[in-house]
Amino acid sequence: MKYFDELKRTMEWLATQPKTIFVGQTAAVPGTFMYQTLRDVPKDRAVEFPVNESFQMQFSIGLALAGYVPVSVYPRQNFLLLATGDMSNMLDKFPAMSQGRVTPKVIIRVATGPYKPVHPGHQHVGNFAESFRKLFDWIEVVELSEPQDIFPAYQRAFEREDNRATLLIEDGNYYNEK
């Protein structure tokens, strides 16, 4: 099993789940390396967003509050930082602010940008997993290093009974390496 193939298979499985909606940059149209894993997701299950990371997170939270399970796609962790205020001050704090009555399940899909065969610049290759773990109380942070970990991690994020939000971090270099 290959890393890319597992991501593609997993996204197609998620698309079969009735409440799942893919939201983000290259969720519905080509533009980054992540799109190829979403190319066979039905177009009526994907909402393309402009480069507006904060609004995308707010929209994803709104979908979750309305009963959907959004898969919010961010091609680079460096740019997910622009949504971190919404993640840390809203999504991560809903359970505490509501005494556990409001638990919006959002699946946040992000990658470290690939730096092979060409390095795209330092603003595209950051990995902030440890910082995110320290920042969040309720959002679980999962790094996906091995192909066999991909499907179970996304399945758990979708099916979890506690409704926790999950940040799944892919490694863009593994799309072609593993």
N, C-alpha and C. Protein backbone atom coordinates (compact mmCIF):
# COMPACT_ATOMS: atom_id res chain seq x y z
N MET A 1 0.84 -1.17 0.00
CA MET A 1 0.00 0.00 0.00
C MET A 1 0.89 1.24 0.00
N LYS A 2 0.50 2.20 -0.79
CA LYS A 2 1.27 3.45 -0.93
C LYS A 2 0.55 4.59 -0.21
N TYR A 3 1.32 5.56 0.23
CA TYR A 3 0.80 6.70 0.98
C TYR A 3 -0.30 7.42 0.18
N PHE A 4 0.02 7.78 -1.06
CA PHE A 4 -0.96 8.49 -1.90
C PHE A 4 -2.22 7.65 -2.10
N ASP A 5 -2.05 6.37 -2.41
CA ASP A 5 -3.20 5.50 -2.67
C ASP A 5 -4.10 5.38 -1.44
N GLU A 6 -3.50 5.32 -0.27
CA GLU A 6 -4.28 5.24 0.96
C GLU A 6 -5.04 6.53 1.21
N LEU A 7 -4.42 7.67 0.93
CA LEU A 7 -5.12 8.95 1.08
C LEU A 7 -6.31 9.02 0.13
N LYS A 8 -6.08 8.63 -1.11
CA LYS A 8 -7.16 8.69 -2.10
C LYS A 8 -8.30 7.75 -1.71
N ARG A 9 -7.97 6.53 -1.33
CA ARG A 9 -8.98 5.56 -0.89
C ARG A 9 -9.75 6.08 0.32
N THR A 10 -9.05 6.69 1.24
CA THR A 10 -9.67 7.21 2.46
C THR A 10 -10.61 8.36 2.15
N MET A 11 -10.20 9.28 1.26
CA MET A 11 -11.07 10.40 0.89
C MET A 11 -12.33 9.90 0.19
N GLU A 12 -12.17 8.88 -0.65
CA GLU A 12 -13.34 8.32 -1.33
C GLU A 12 -14.28 7.65 -0.34
N TRP A 13 -13.73 6.99 0.69
CA TRP A 13 -14.58 6.39 1.72
C TRP A 13 -15.32 7.49 2.50
N LEU A 14 -14.59 8.53 2.88
CA LEU A 14 -15.23 9.63 3.60
C LEU A 14 -16.37 10.23 2.77
N ALA A 15 -16.19 10.32 1.47
CA ALA A 15 -17.21 10.89 0.59
C ALA A 15 -18.49 10.05 0.57
N THR A 16 -18.40 8.78 0.95
CA THR A 16 -19.60 7.94 0.98
C THR A 16 -20.41 8.13 2.26
N GLN A 17 -19.84 8.82 3.22
CA GLN A 17 -20.54 9.04 4.49
C GLN A 17 -21.52 10.20 4.32
N PRO A 18 -22.77 10.01 4.66
CA PRO A 18 -23.83 10.98 4.32
C PRO A 18 -23.62 12.40 4.84
N LYS A 19 -22.97 12.60 5.95
CA LYS A 19 -22.86 13.94 6.53
C LYS A 19 -21.53 14.63 6.22
N THR A 20 -20.69 13.99 5.42
CA THR A 20 -19.37 14.55 5.13
C THR A 20 -19.42 15.56 3.99
N ILE A 21 -18.74 16.69 4.20
CA ILE A 21 -18.56 17.71 3.17
C ILE A 21 -17.10 18.13 3.18
N PHE A 22 -16.48 18.14 2.01
CA PHE A 22 -15.09 18.59 1.88
C PHE A 22 -15.09 20.08 1.60
N VAL A 23 -14.29 20.82 2.35
CA VAL A 23 -14.25 22.27 2.25
C VAL A 23 -12.80 22.69 2.15
N GLY A 24 -12.48 23.61 1.23
CA GLY A 24 -11.12 24.15 1.26
C GLY A 24 -10.53 24.44 -0.09
N GLN A 25 -9.26 24.76 -0.01
CA GLN A 25 -8.48 25.07 -1.20
C GLN A 25 -8.15 23.77 -1.90
N THR A 26 -8.45 23.68 -3.14
CA THR A 26 -8.30 22.50 -4.00
C THR A 26 -9.13 21.32 -3.50
N ALA A 27 -10.25 21.60 -2.86
CA ALA A 27 -11.16 20.53 -2.47
C ALA A 27 -12.00 20.09 -3.66
N ALA A 28 -12.25 21.00 -4.61
CA ALA A 28 -13.11 20.68 -5.75
C ALA A 28 -12.44 20.88 -7.10
N VAL A 29 -11.35 21.62 -7.13
CA VAL A 29 -10.65 21.88 -8.40
C VAL A 29 -9.14 21.72 -8.20
N PRO A 30 -8.40 21.42 -9.26
CA PRO A 30 -6.95 21.26 -9.13
C PRO A 30 -6.27 22.54 -8.67
N GLY A 31 -5.12 22.38 -8.05
CA GLY A 31 -4.35 23.54 -7.63
C GLY A 31 -3.15 23.17 -6.77
N THR A 32 -3.27 22.12 -5.97
CA THR A 32 -2.14 21.66 -5.16
C THR A 32 -2.03 20.15 -5.26
N PHE A 33 -0.95 19.63 -4.70
CA PHE A 33 -0.72 18.18 -4.72
C PHE A 33 -1.83 17.41 -4.02
N MET A 34 -2.55 18.02 -3.09
CA MET A 34 -3.60 17.31 -2.35
C MET A 34 -4.83 17.03 -3.22
N TYR A 35 -5.04 17.83 -4.25
CA TYR A 35 -6.24 17.65 -5.07
C TYR A 35 -6.33 16.26 -5.66
N GLN A 36 -5.21 15.68 -6.06
CA GLN A 36 -5.25 14.37 -6.71
C GLN A 36 -5.88 13.30 -5.82
N THR A 37 -5.82 13.48 -4.51
CA THR A 37 -6.45 12.53 -3.59
C THR A 37 -7.96 12.77 -3.50
N LEU A 38 -8.42 13.90 -4.00
CA LEU A 38 -9.84 14.28 -3.95
C LEU A 38 -10.52 14.28 -5.31
N ARG A 39 -9.76 13.99 -6.35
CA ARG A 39 -10.29 14.16 -7.71
C ARG A 39 -11.52 13.32 -8.00
N ASP A 40 -11.70 12.19 -7.33
CA ASP A 40 -12.86 11.33 -7.57
C ASP A 40 -13.96 11.49 -6.52
N VAL A 41 -13.80 12.47 -5.65
CA VAL A 41 -14.87 12.78 -4.70
C VAL A 41 -15.98 13.47 -5.49
N PRO A 42 -17.24 13.07 -5.30
CA PRO A 42 -18.32 13.72 -6.04
C PRO A 42 -18.31 15.24 -5.83
N LYS A 43 -18.48 15.97 -6.89
CA LYS A 43 -18.39 17.44 -6.84
C LYS A 43 -19.45 18.06 -5.95
N ASP A 44 -20.57 17.38 -5.76
CA ASP A 44 -21.60 17.93 -4.88
C ASP A 44 -21.26 17.73 -3.40
N ARG A 45 -20.14 17.07 -3.12
CA ARG A 45 -19.69 16.87 -1.75
C ARG A 45 -18.49 17.75 -1.41
N ALA A 46 -18.07 18.60 -2.36
CA ALA A 46 -16.89 19.44 -2.16
C ALA A 46 -17.22 20.90 -2.43
N VAL A 47 -16.74 21.76 -1.55
CA VAL A 47 -16.94 23.20 -1.68
C VAL A 47 -15.56 23.84 -1.79
N GLU A 48 -15.31 24.44 -2.94
CA GLU A 48 -14.02 25.10 -3.16
C GLU A 48 -14.01 26.45 -2.46
N PHE A 49 -12.90 26.78 -1.83
CA PHE A 49 -12.76 28.04 -1.11
C PHE A 49 -11.60 28.85 -1.67
N PRO A 50 -11.73 30.16 -1.61
CA PRO A 50 -10.58 31.00 -1.96
C PRO A 50 -9.55 30.92 -0.84
N VAL A 51 -8.42 31.53 -1.04
CA VAL A 51 -7.40 31.55 -0.01
C VAL A 51 -7.86 32.52 1.09
N ASN A 52 -8.57 31.97 2.06
CA ASN A 52 -9.09 32.73 3.19
C ASN A 52 -9.24 31.74 4.35
N GLU A 53 -8.11 31.38 4.92
CA GLU A 53 -8.03 30.29 5.88
C GLU A 53 -8.93 30.48 7.10
N SER A 54 -8.98 31.69 7.62
CA SER A 54 -9.78 31.96 8.81
C SER A 54 -11.27 31.75 8.50
N PHE A 55 -11.75 32.32 7.41
CA PHE A 55 -13.15 32.14 7.05
C PHE A 55 -13.47 30.67 6.78
N GLN A 56 -12.55 29.97 6.17
CA GLN A 56 -12.77 28.54 5.90
C GLN A 56 -12.98 27.80 7.22
N MET A 57 -12.18 28.10 8.24
CA MET A 57 -12.35 27.42 9.53
C MET A 57 -13.69 27.80 10.15
N GLN A 58 -14.05 29.06 10.08
CA GLN A 58 -15.33 29.50 10.63
C GLN A 58 -16.50 28.80 9.91
N PHE A 59 -16.41 28.68 8.60
CA PHE A 59 -17.43 27.99 7.81
C PHE A 59 -17.51 26.51 8.22
N SER A 60 -16.34 25.90 8.41
CA SER A 60 -16.29 24.50 8.82
C SER A 60 -16.93 24.30 10.19
N ILE A 61 -16.67 25.20 11.11
CA ILE A 61 -17.29 25.13 12.43
C ILE A 61 -18.80 25.26 12.30
N GLY A 62 -19.25 26.18 11.47
CA GLY A 62 -20.69 26.34 11.23
C GLY A 62 -21.32 25.09 10.68
N LEU A 63 -20.64 24.44 9.72
CA LEU A 63 -21.16 23.17 9.18
C LEU A 63 -21.28 22.12 10.28
N ALA A 64 -20.26 22.04 11.14
CA ALA A 64 -20.29 21.06 12.22
C ALA A 64 -21.43 21.36 13.19
N LEU A 65 -21.64 22.63 13.49
CA LEU A 65 -22.74 23.00 14.39
C LEU A 65 -24.10 22.66 13.77
N ALA A 66 -24.16 22.63 12.44
CA ALA A 66 -25.41 22.29 11.74
C ALA A 66 -25.58 20.78 11.55
N GLY A 67 -24.62 19.97 12.06
CA GLY A 67 -24.76 18.52 12.00
C GLY A 67 -23.96 17.81 10.93
N TYR A 68 -23.18 18.56 10.15
CA TYR A 68 -22.32 17.94 9.14
C TYR A 68 -20.97 17.58 9.77
N VAL A 69 -20.20 16.77 9.06
CA VAL A 69 -18.82 16.50 9.45
C VAL A 69 -17.94 17.05 8.33
N PRO A 70 -17.49 18.29 8.48
CA PRO A 70 -16.65 18.87 7.44
C PRO A 70 -15.23 18.31 7.49
N VAL A 71 -14.68 18.07 6.31
CA VAL A 71 -13.27 17.76 6.16
C VAL A 71 -12.68 19.04 5.58
N SER A 72 -12.03 19.81 6.44
CA SER A 72 -11.52 21.12 6.05
C SER A 72 -10.08 20.96 5.58
N VAL A 73 -9.84 21.23 4.30
CA VAL A 73 -8.57 20.92 3.64
C VAL A 73 -7.70 22.16 3.55
N TYR A 74 -6.51 22.06 4.13
CA TYR A 74 -5.49 23.12 4.06
C TYR A 74 -4.22 22.50 3.50
N PRO A 75 -3.78 22.91 2.31
CA PRO A 75 -2.62 22.28 1.70
C PRO A 75 -1.29 22.47 2.45
N ARG A 76 -1.18 23.51 3.27
CA ARG A 76 0.08 23.77 3.97
C ARG A 76 -0.18 24.18 5.42
N GLN A 77 0.61 23.61 6.33
CA GLN A 77 0.50 24.01 7.73
C GLN A 77 0.83 25.47 7.94
N ASN A 78 1.77 25.99 7.18
CA ASN A 78 2.14 27.40 7.34
C ASN A 78 0.94 28.31 7.18
N PHE A 79 0.00 27.95 6.31
CA PHE A 79 -1.16 28.79 6.07
C PHE A 79 -2.32 28.42 6.99
N LEU A 80 -2.29 27.22 7.56
CA LEU A 80 -3.27 26.88 8.58
C LEU A 80 -3.08 27.78 9.80
N LEU A 81 -1.87 28.28 9.98
CA LEU A 81 -1.62 29.20 11.09
C LEU A 81 -2.57 30.40 11.05
N LEU A 82 -3.01 30.79 9.85
CA LEU A 82 -3.94 31.91 9.72
C LEU A 82 -5.33 31.58 10.27
N ALA A 83 -5.62 30.30 10.46
CA ALA A 83 -6.90 29.87 11.04
C ALA A 83 -6.75 29.45 12.50
N THR A 84 -5.55 29.56 13.02
CA THR A 84 -5.29 29.07 14.37
C THR A 84 -6.09 29.80 15.44
N GLY A 85 -6.33 31.09 15.27
CA GLY A 85 -7.16 31.81 16.23
C GLY A 85 -8.56 31.24 16.30
N ASP A 86 -9.12 30.91 15.15
CA ASP A 86 -10.47 30.32 15.11
C ASP A 86 -10.46 28.92 15.70
N MET A 87 -9.38 28.19 15.47
CA MET A 87 -9.27 26.84 16.01
C MET A 87 -9.12 26.88 17.53
N SER A 88 -8.22 27.75 18.02
CA SER A 88 -7.92 27.75 19.46
C SER A 88 -8.95 28.48 20.29
N ASN A 89 -9.56 29.53 19.76
CA ASN A 89 -10.50 30.33 20.55
C ASN A 89 -11.96 29.95 20.34
N MET A 90 -12.25 29.20 19.28
CA MET A 90 -13.64 28.78 19.05
C MET A 90 -13.74 27.26 19.09
N LEU A 91 -13.25 26.61 18.04
CA LEU A 91 -13.43 25.16 17.92
C LEU A 91 -12.92 24.42 19.16
N ASP A 92 -11.74 24.76 19.64
CA ASP A 92 -11.15 24.07 20.77
C ASP A 92 -11.85 24.39 22.09
N LYS A 93 -12.53 25.52 22.17
CA LYS A 93 -13.12 25.95 23.45
C LYS A 93 -14.62 25.72 23.56
N PHE A 94 -15.31 25.36 22.48
CA PHE A 94 -16.75 25.10 22.55
C PHE A 94 -17.12 24.14 23.68
N PRO A 95 -16.45 23.00 23.81
CA PRO A 95 -16.84 22.08 24.88
C PRO A 95 -16.72 22.71 26.27
N ALA A 96 -15.66 23.44 26.53
CA ALA A 96 -15.49 24.08 27.84
C ALA A 96 -16.52 25.17 28.06
N MET A 97 -16.76 25.99 27.05
CA MET A 97 -17.71 27.09 27.19
C MET A 97 -19.14 26.61 27.35
N SER A 98 -19.45 25.43 26.82
CA SER A 98 -20.83 24.92 26.85
C SER A 98 -21.02 23.78 27.85
N GLN A 99 -20.04 23.58 28.75
CA GLN A 99 -20.08 22.47 29.69
C GLN A 99 -20.32 21.13 28.97
N GLY A 100 -19.69 20.98 27.82
CA GLY A 100 -19.73 19.74 27.07
C GLY A 100 -20.97 19.53 26.20
N ARG A 101 -21.84 20.52 26.14
CA ARG A 101 -23.07 20.36 25.34
C ARG A 101 -22.85 20.64 23.86
N VAL A 102 -21.83 21.42 23.52
CA VAL A 102 -21.55 21.74 22.12
C VAL A 102 -20.16 21.20 21.79
N THR A 103 -20.14 20.19 20.91
CA THR A 103 -18.88 19.53 20.54
C THR A 103 -18.83 19.36 19.03
N PRO A 104 -18.50 20.43 18.32
CA PRO A 104 -18.48 20.33 16.85
C PRO A 104 -17.33 19.47 16.34
N LYS A 105 -17.69 18.41 15.62
CA LYS A 105 -16.69 17.50 15.06
C LYS A 105 -16.25 18.04 13.70
N VAL A 106 -15.02 18.51 13.63
CA VAL A 106 -14.41 18.97 12.38
C VAL A 106 -13.16 18.13 12.15
N ILE A 107 -13.01 17.64 10.94
CA ILE A 107 -11.78 16.95 10.55
C ILE A 107 -10.96 17.97 9.77
N ILE A 108 -9.80 18.29 10.30
CA ILE A 108 -8.93 19.27 9.66
C ILE A 108 -7.80 18.49 8.98
N ARG A 109 -7.75 18.61 7.68
CA ARG A 109 -6.75 17.90 6.88
C ARG A 109 -5.71 18.90 6.41
N VAL A 110 -4.46 18.67 6.78
CA VAL A 110 -3.39 19.59 6.42
C VAL A 110 -2.13 18.78 6.10
N ALA A 111 -1.21 19.40 5.40
CA ALA A 111 0.05 18.72 5.07
C ALA A 111 1.23 19.63 5.31
N THR A 112 2.35 18.99 5.55
CA THR A 112 3.61 19.71 5.41
C THR A 112 3.88 19.69 3.93
N GLY A 113 4.27 20.79 3.39
CA GLY A 113 4.49 20.86 1.95
C GLY A 113 5.69 20.04 1.52
N PRO A 114 5.62 19.43 0.36
CA PRO A 114 6.77 18.68 -0.14
C PRO A 114 7.91 19.62 -0.51
N TYR A 115 9.13 19.22 -0.21
CA TYR A 115 10.30 20.01 -0.59
C TYR A 115 11.15 19.30 -1.62
N LYS A 116 10.63 18.19 -2.17
CA LYS A 116 11.31 17.47 -3.24
C LYS A 116 10.33 17.35 -4.40
N PRO A 117 10.69 17.41 -5.60
CA PRO A 117 12.03 17.58 -6.14
C PRO A 117 12.53 19.03 -6.08
N VAL A 118 11.62 19.98 -5.83
CA VAL A 118 12.02 21.39 -5.77
C VAL A 118 11.51 21.97 -4.45
N HIS A 119 12.38 22.66 -3.75
CA HIS A 119 11.98 23.30 -2.48
C HIS A 119 11.11 24.51 -2.80
N PRO A 120 9.86 24.56 -2.30
CA PRO A 120 8.93 25.63 -2.66
C PRO A 120 9.11 26.93 -1.87
N GLY A 121 10.01 26.93 -0.90
CA GLY A 121 10.21 28.09 -0.04
C GLY A 121 9.85 27.73 1.39
N HIS A 122 10.49 28.39 2.30
CA HIS A 122 10.33 28.04 3.72
C HIS A 122 8.92 28.28 4.25
N GLN A 123 8.16 29.14 3.60
CA GLN A 123 6.78 29.41 4.05
C GLN A 123 5.82 28.31 3.61
N HIS A 124 6.31 27.22 3.02
CA HIS A 124 5.45 26.14 2.54
C HIS A 124 5.75 24.78 3.16
N VAL A 125 6.76 24.66 4.00
CA VAL A 125 7.18 23.33 4.44
C VAL A 125 7.18 23.13 5.96
N GLY A 126 6.59 24.03 6.72
CA GLY A 126 6.61 23.93 8.18
C GLY A 126 5.79 22.78 8.73
N ASN A 127 6.24 22.27 9.86
CA ASN A 127 5.48 21.28 10.61
C ASN A 127 5.33 21.82 12.03
N PHE A 128 4.12 22.14 12.41
CA PHE A 128 3.84 22.75 13.70
C PHE A 128 3.07 21.82 14.62
N ALA A 129 3.21 20.52 14.41
CA ALA A 129 2.44 19.53 15.18
C ALA A 129 2.64 19.70 16.68
N GLU A 130 3.86 19.83 17.12
CA GLU A 130 4.11 19.95 18.57
C GLU A 130 3.51 21.23 19.13
N SER A 131 3.60 22.30 18.39
CA SER A 131 3.00 23.57 18.84
C SER A 131 1.49 23.44 18.92
N PHE A 132 0.88 22.80 17.93
CA PHE A 132 -0.57 22.60 17.96
C PHE A 132 -0.97 21.75 19.17
N ARG A 133 -0.20 20.70 19.46
CA ARG A 133 -0.52 19.85 20.61
C ARG A 133 -0.51 20.65 21.91
N LYS A 134 0.44 21.56 22.03
CA LYS A 134 0.53 22.38 23.24
C LYS A 134 -0.59 23.42 23.30
N LEU A 135 -1.05 23.86 22.16
CA LEU A 135 -2.05 24.92 22.08
C LEU A 135 -3.47 24.44 22.34
N PHE A 136 -3.79 23.23 21.89
CA PHE A 136 -5.16 22.74 21.94
C PHE A 136 -5.41 21.86 23.16
N ASP A 137 -6.60 22.00 23.72
CA ASP A 137 -7.04 21.13 24.81
C ASP A 137 -7.93 20.01 24.28
N TRP A 138 -8.76 20.32 23.30
CA TRP A 138 -9.79 19.41 22.85
C TRP A 138 -9.54 18.85 21.46
N ILE A 139 -8.88 19.62 20.60
CA ILE A 139 -8.58 19.14 19.24
C ILE A 139 -7.42 18.16 19.32
N GLU A 140 -7.63 16.96 18.81
CA GLU A 140 -6.57 15.96 18.79
C GLU A 140 -5.69 16.17 17.56
N VAL A 141 -4.38 16.09 17.73
CA VAL A 141 -3.42 16.26 16.65
C VAL A 141 -2.80 14.91 16.33
N VAL A 142 -2.91 14.49 15.06
CA VAL A 142 -2.41 13.19 14.63
C VAL A 142 -1.50 13.39 13.42
N GLU A 143 -0.27 12.90 13.52
CA GLU A 143 0.65 12.94 12.37
C GLU A 143 0.59 11.59 11.65
N LEU A 144 0.52 11.66 10.34
CA LEU A 144 0.40 10.46 9.51
C LEU A 144 1.72 10.19 8.79
N SER A 145 2.51 9.30 9.36
CA SER A 145 3.82 9.01 8.80
C SER A 145 3.84 7.76 7.92
N GLU A 146 2.96 6.83 8.21
CA GLU A 146 2.96 5.56 7.49
C GLU A 146 1.65 5.34 6.75
N PRO A 147 1.70 4.75 5.56
CA PRO A 147 0.48 4.52 4.79
C PRO A 147 -0.59 3.75 5.56
N GLN A 148 -0.18 2.75 6.33
CA GLN A 148 -1.15 1.92 7.05
C GLN A 148 -1.85 2.68 8.18
N ASP A 149 -1.37 3.85 8.55
CA ASP A 149 -2.00 4.64 9.61
C ASP A 149 -3.10 5.57 9.08
N ILE A 150 -3.14 5.79 7.79
CA ILE A 150 -4.01 6.81 7.20
C ILE A 150 -5.49 6.48 7.37
N PHE A 151 -5.92 5.36 6.83
CA PHE A 151 -7.35 5.04 6.89
C PHE A 151 -7.86 4.94 8.32
N PRO A 152 -7.17 4.20 9.21
CA PRO A 152 -7.68 4.12 10.59
C PRO A 152 -7.77 5.48 11.29
N ALA A 153 -6.84 6.36 11.01
CA ALA A 153 -6.86 7.68 11.65
C ALA A 153 -8.05 8.51 11.18
N TYR A 154 -8.29 8.52 9.89
CA TYR A 154 -9.45 9.28 9.37
C TYR A 154 -10.76 8.62 9.77
N GLN A 155 -10.80 7.29 9.77
CA GLN A 155 -12.01 6.59 10.19
C GLN A 155 -12.32 6.91 11.64
N ARG A 156 -11.32 6.90 12.49
CA ARG A 156 -11.52 7.22 13.90
C ARG A 156 -12.00 8.67 14.04
N ALA A 157 -11.39 9.58 13.30
CA ALA A 157 -11.80 10.99 13.36
C ALA A 157 -13.27 11.14 12.97
N PHE A 158 -13.70 10.39 11.98
CA PHE A 158 -15.09 10.48 11.53
C PHE A 158 -16.05 9.80 12.51
N GLU A 159 -15.69 8.63 12.99
CA GLU A 159 -16.61 7.82 13.78
C GLU A 159 -16.54 8.07 15.29
N ARG A 160 -15.64 8.90 15.73
CA ARG A 160 -15.44 9.03 17.18
C ARG A 160 -16.72 9.45 17.89
N GLU A 161 -16.99 8.78 18.99
CA GLU A 161 -18.19 9.00 19.78
C GLU A 161 -18.10 10.29 20.60
N ASP A 162 -16.89 10.71 20.94
CA ASP A 162 -16.74 11.90 21.78
C ASP A 162 -16.85 13.21 20.98
N ASN A 163 -16.99 13.09 19.66
CA ASN A 163 -17.15 14.25 18.77
C ASN A 163 -15.97 15.22 18.78
N ARG A 164 -14.83 14.80 19.25
CA ARG A 164 -13.67 15.69 19.24
C ARG A 164 -13.30 16.05 17.81
N ALA A 165 -12.82 17.25 17.64
CA ALA A 165 -12.24 17.65 16.36
C ALA A 165 -10.86 17.00 16.25
N THR A 166 -10.45 16.74 15.03
CA THR A 166 -9.16 16.08 14.81
C THR A 166 -8.39 16.81 13.73
N LEU A 167 -7.14 17.12 14.02
CA LEU A 167 -6.21 17.71 13.06
C LEU A 167 -5.30 16.59 12.59
N LEU A 168 -5.43 16.22 11.31
CA LEU A 168 -4.62 15.15 10.72
C LEU A 168 -3.56 15.77 9.82
N ILE A 169 -2.31 15.49 10.14
CA ILE A 169 -1.18 16.10 9.44
C ILE A 169 -0.52 15.07 8.54
N GLU A 170 -0.58 15.33 7.24
CA GLU A 170 0.05 14.48 6.24
C GLU A 170 1.43 15.05 5.91
N ASP A 171 2.28 14.21 5.35
CA ASP A 171 3.60 14.66 4.91
C ASP A 171 3.61 14.68 3.39
N GLY A 172 3.66 15.85 2.80
CA GLY A 172 3.61 16.00 1.36
C GLY A 172 4.71 15.27 0.62
N ASN A 173 5.86 15.04 1.28
CA ASN A 173 6.95 14.32 0.63
C ASN A 173 6.60 12.84 0.45
N TYR A 174 5.74 12.30 1.29
CA TYR A 174 5.41 10.88 1.22
C TYR A 174 4.44 10.54 0.10
N TYR A 175 3.80 11.53 -0.48
CA TYR A 175 2.85 11.26 -1.56
C TYR A 175 3.52 10.47 -2.69
N ASN A 176 4.77 10.75 -2.94
CA ASN A 176 5.50 10.07 -4.02
C ASN A 176 6.60 9.15 -3.51
N GLU A 177 6.90 9.19 -2.22
CA GLU A 177 8.01 8.39 -1.70
C GLU A 177 7.61 7.06 -1.10
N LYS A 178 6.54 7.05 -0.36
CA LYS A 178 6.18 5.82 0.38
C LYS A 178 5.07 5.07 -0.29
